[in-house]
Protein backbone atom coordinates (compact mmCIF):
# COMPACT_ATOMS: atom_id res chain seq x y z
CA MET A 1 127.27 91.08 118.13
CA GLN A 2 125.71 94.10 119.92
CA GLU A 3 121.93 94.21 119.68
CA THR A 4 120.05 97.33 118.50
CA ILE A 5 118.53 99.17 121.28
CA ILE A 6 114.95 100.21 120.00
CA PRO A 7 113.30 103.26 121.73
CA ASP A 8 110.06 102.47 123.57
CA THR A 9 108.48 105.26 121.46
CA VAL A 10 109.00 102.89 118.45
CA PHE A 11 107.20 100.12 120.20
CA ASN A 12 104.50 102.08 121.52
CA SER A 13 103.80 103.31 117.93
CA LEU A 14 103.62 99.88 116.39
CA GLU A 15 100.20 98.81 114.78
CA PHE A 16 99.01 95.22 115.23
CA GLU A 17 96.57 93.55 112.78
CA PHE A 18 95.07 90.22 113.03
CA SER A 19 93.17 87.86 110.43
CA LEU A 20 91.16 84.80 110.95
CA LYS A 21 89.62 82.78 107.98
CA PRO A 22 88.42 79.26 107.19
CA HIS A 23 90.87 77.05 105.25
CA ASP A 24 90.59 77.48 101.49
CA ASP A 25 89.69 73.99 100.94
CA LYS A 26 86.18 73.74 101.71
CA ALA A 27 86.32 70.23 103.01
CA LEU A 28 88.82 71.40 105.51
CA GLY A 29 87.37 74.81 106.39
CA GLN A 30 84.77 73.53 108.65
CA TYR A 31 87.48 72.26 110.86
CA VAL A 32 90.53 74.42 110.04
CA LEU A 33 90.84 78.16 110.75
CA GLU A 34 93.93 79.99 109.25
CA PHE A 35 95.40 82.88 111.50
CA GLU A 36 97.88 85.66 110.76
CA GLY A 37 99.10 88.31 113.08
CA LYS A 38 101.38 91.07 112.06
CA ALA A 39 103.28 94.02 113.86
CA LYS A 40 103.70 96.99 111.50
CA HIS A 41 106.26 99.76 111.92
CA TRP A 42 106.17 103.25 109.93
CA ASP A 43 109.94 103.55 108.55
CA ASP A 44 110.51 107.24 108.20
CA GLU A 45 113.69 106.61 106.07
CA LEU A 46 111.76 104.40 103.58
CA ALA A 47 108.56 106.40 103.87
CA GLU A 48 106.52 103.20 104.23
CA GLU A 49 105.08 100.77 106.53
CA ARG A 50 106.70 97.66 106.92
CA THR A 51 106.12 94.34 108.86
CA VAL A 52 108.60 93.77 111.58
CA GLY A 53 106.83 90.71 113.31
CA LYS A 54 104.47 88.13 112.14
CA ILE A 55 102.87 85.09 113.44
CA ARG A 56 100.77 82.61 111.57
CA GLY A 57 99.27 79.09 111.87
CA HIS A 58 96.05 77.03 111.98
CA ARG A 59 93.33 76.57 114.63
CA ILE A 60 92.04 72.95 114.16
CA ASP A 61 88.51 71.96 115.95
CA LEU A 62 89.23 68.32 116.91
CA SER A 63 86.24 67.95 118.70
CA THR A 64 84.06 68.54 115.74
CA ALA A 65 86.07 66.43 113.58
CA GLN A 66 85.86 63.55 116.07
CA TYR A 67 81.84 64.08 116.08
CA ASP A 68 82.14 63.53 112.27
CA GLN A 69 84.30 60.41 112.71
CA VAL A 70 87.01 62.09 110.72
CA SER A 71 90.70 60.51 111.49
CA LEU A 72 92.60 63.68 113.12
CA HIS A 73 95.87 62.26 111.68
CA GLU A 74 94.22 62.31 108.13
CA LEU A 75 93.00 65.80 108.85
CA LEU A 76 96.13 67.24 110.11
CA ASP A 77 98.05 65.69 107.15
CA SER A 78 95.78 67.17 104.73
CA VAL A 79 96.73 70.64 106.13
CA SER A 80 100.53 70.50 106.00
CA SER A 81 103.23 67.76 106.14
CA GLU A 82 104.46 69.37 109.28
CA LEU A 83 101.13 68.93 111.07
CA SER A 84 101.48 65.34 109.90
CA ASP A 85 104.75 65.04 111.40
CA PHE A 86 103.47 66.47 114.76
CA ALA A 87 100.55 64.02 114.86
CA ASP A 88 103.14 61.20 114.24
CA ALA A 89 105.37 62.32 116.96
CA VAL A 90 102.94 63.47 119.71
CA MET A 91 99.34 62.43 119.04
CA LYS A 92 99.10 58.59 119.84
CA ASP A 93 95.97 56.82 118.65
CA ASP A 94 94.73 60.01 117.15
CA ARG A 95 94.53 61.61 120.65
CA CYS A 96 95.47 65.18 121.71
CA ILE A 97 96.11 65.28 125.71
CA LEU A 98 96.21 68.25 127.88
CA PRO A 99 98.82 66.91 130.62
CA GLU A 100 97.98 67.58 134.44
CA THR A 101 99.72 70.78 135.53
CA GLU A 102 102.58 70.36 137.91
CA ASN A 103 100.65 72.32 140.71
CA HIS A 104 97.67 69.93 140.07
CA LEU A 105 95.34 72.78 139.19
CA HIS A 106 94.49 71.36 136.06
CA GLN A 107 93.76 67.57 135.48
CA GLU A 108 94.52 65.63 132.29
CA LYS A 109 92.02 65.85 129.66
CA GLU A 110 91.52 65.51 126.06
CA CYS A 111 91.95 68.67 123.86
CA LYS A 112 89.09 70.13 122.19
CA CYS A 113 91.37 71.93 119.56
CA LEU A 114 94.86 72.33 118.25
CA VAL A 115 96.44 75.62 117.73
CA TYR A 116 99.66 75.12 115.56
CA ILE A 117 102.07 78.08 115.06
CA SER A 118 103.58 77.28 111.59
CA GLU A 119 105.65 80.61 111.80
CA LEU A 120 106.76 83.44 114.25
CA ILE A 121 109.16 85.69 112.62
CA ILE A 122 110.45 88.87 114.13
CA ASP A 123 112.64 91.30 112.28
CA PRO A 124 116.38 90.97 113.52
CA GLY A 125 116.31 94.67 114.43
CA PHE A 126 113.28 94.31 116.65
CA ARG A 127 114.36 90.95 118.51
CA SER A 128 115.01 90.61 122.15
CA HIS A 129 112.59 93.46 122.83
CA GLY A 130 109.41 91.48 123.80
CA LEU A 131 107.73 91.71 120.46
CA GLY A 132 107.71 88.01 120.10
CA SER A 133 105.89 87.32 123.37
CA SER A 134 103.54 90.21 122.54
CA LEU A 135 102.28 88.41 119.32
CA LEU A 136 101.90 85.21 121.23
CA GLN A 137 99.94 86.67 123.80
CA ARG A 138 97.78 88.60 121.24
CA MET A 139 97.08 85.61 119.51
CA GLY A 140 95.76 84.06 122.80
CA GLY A 141 93.47 86.96 122.81
CA MET A 142 92.04 87.05 119.16
CA ILE A 143 91.55 83.24 118.91
CA ASP A 144 89.32 81.16 121.03
CA VAL A 145 92.15 78.76 122.44
CA THR A 146 89.84 77.29 125.39
CA ASP A 147 90.66 73.69 125.55
CA CYS A 148 93.42 73.75 123.08
CA LEU A 149 97.12 72.36 122.77
CA ILE A 150 99.21 75.07 121.44
CA ALA A 151 102.24 73.53 119.47
CA LEU A 152 105.06 74.35 117.19
CA LYS A 153 108.45 73.10 115.80
CA ALA A 154 111.20 75.20 117.55
CA PHE A 155 113.69 74.77 114.70
CA PRO A 156 114.21 78.20 112.92
CA LEU A 157 115.50 78.83 109.66
CA ALA A 158 118.50 81.29 109.35
CA ASP A 159 117.74 84.80 108.09
CA GLU A 160 119.38 83.92 104.78
CA LEU A 161 116.72 81.99 102.83
CA GLY A 162 117.64 78.17 102.29
CA LYS A 163 120.25 77.99 105.03
CA SER A 164 120.07 76.36 108.59
CA ALA A 165 120.17 78.48 111.63
CA GLU A 166 123.23 78.33 113.88
CA PRO A 167 123.13 76.24 117.05
CA ALA A 168 123.50 78.82 119.32
CA TYR A 169 120.40 80.76 117.73
CA ILE A 170 118.19 77.58 117.74
CA ALA A 171 118.87 77.25 121.53
CA ARG A 172 118.02 80.73 121.95
CA VAL A 173 114.84 80.51 120.25
CA LYS A 174 113.97 77.13 122.34
CA ARG A 175 114.78 79.46 125.60
CA PHE A 176 112.39 82.11 124.41
CA TYR A 177 109.32 79.50 123.94
CA GLU A 178 110.30 77.97 127.39
CA ARG A 179 109.92 81.43 128.90
CA ASN A 180 106.52 81.59 127.19
CA GLY A 181 105.45 78.49 128.85
CA PHE A 182 106.19 75.99 126.08
CA GLN A 183 107.54 72.50 127.04
CA HIS A 184 109.71 70.05 124.99
CA THR A 185 107.98 67.00 123.49
CA GLU A 186 108.94 64.59 120.82
CA GLY A 187 111.78 65.71 118.38
CA GLU A 188 111.89 69.57 117.89
CA PHE A 189 108.13 69.95 118.94
CA MET A 190 107.36 72.30 121.76
CA VAL A 191 103.77 72.27 123.37
CA LYS A 192 101.82 74.82 125.64
CA ASP A 193 98.64 73.97 127.63
CA ALA A 194 96.28 77.05 126.78
CA ARG A 195 94.77 76.64 130.36
CA LEU A 196 98.14 78.40 131.21
CA CYS A 197 97.37 81.27 128.82
CA GLU A 198 96.66 84.70 130.51
CA ALA A 199 93.87 85.17 128.20
CA VAL A 200 92.23 81.94 128.96
CA LYS A 201 92.81 82.57 132.76
CA LYS A 202 90.88 86.00 132.13
CA ARG A 203 88.05 84.47 130.45
CA LEU A 204 87.61 81.72 132.97
CA ALA A 205 87.71 84.44 135.82
CA GLN A 206 85.04 86.44 134.13
CA SER A 207 82.75 83.50 133.68
CA LYS A 208 82.67 82.52 137.35
């Protein structure tokens, strides 16, 4: 199927908005922030603004939870079943580890926070033009991801509600995350060391 070519003028006119708020559950709100970013496009034919890209998830303050002697597994389980599955698969003994980078620039260390992306959706007509990468980059700029592990489950649903995506589409999505610095871990989960994010690199460079 031939992909739609989106003019540069359309992308230049996109408006982005980002929101960040404590979890609605007060017991979780001191540790868990919910975030959501949207890319909006004015549709002349419909004469209305519509969302063509969206990213949402949670930032979990692991270090504060550990200081308060809160079980990280129980904390993640309280947020969502998917985060509980992530803890079972990736976080052994309630530990979240940033691995040593291949170039030895960064040593292995324990995470201070977990940024879990529960949803990244791009309108079919706007895919393959860099909008997904732009939302990921903006997320890193809007949220403090210092010493964080960024994670997600790379198993998208089909555009039609309730159906599973085709294997070729799933493979394409995984390649997209690989290009954005994510690595495969247990099951369908993928992770990225936030120390490799451009936003973090810029913050560290400015602090020197």
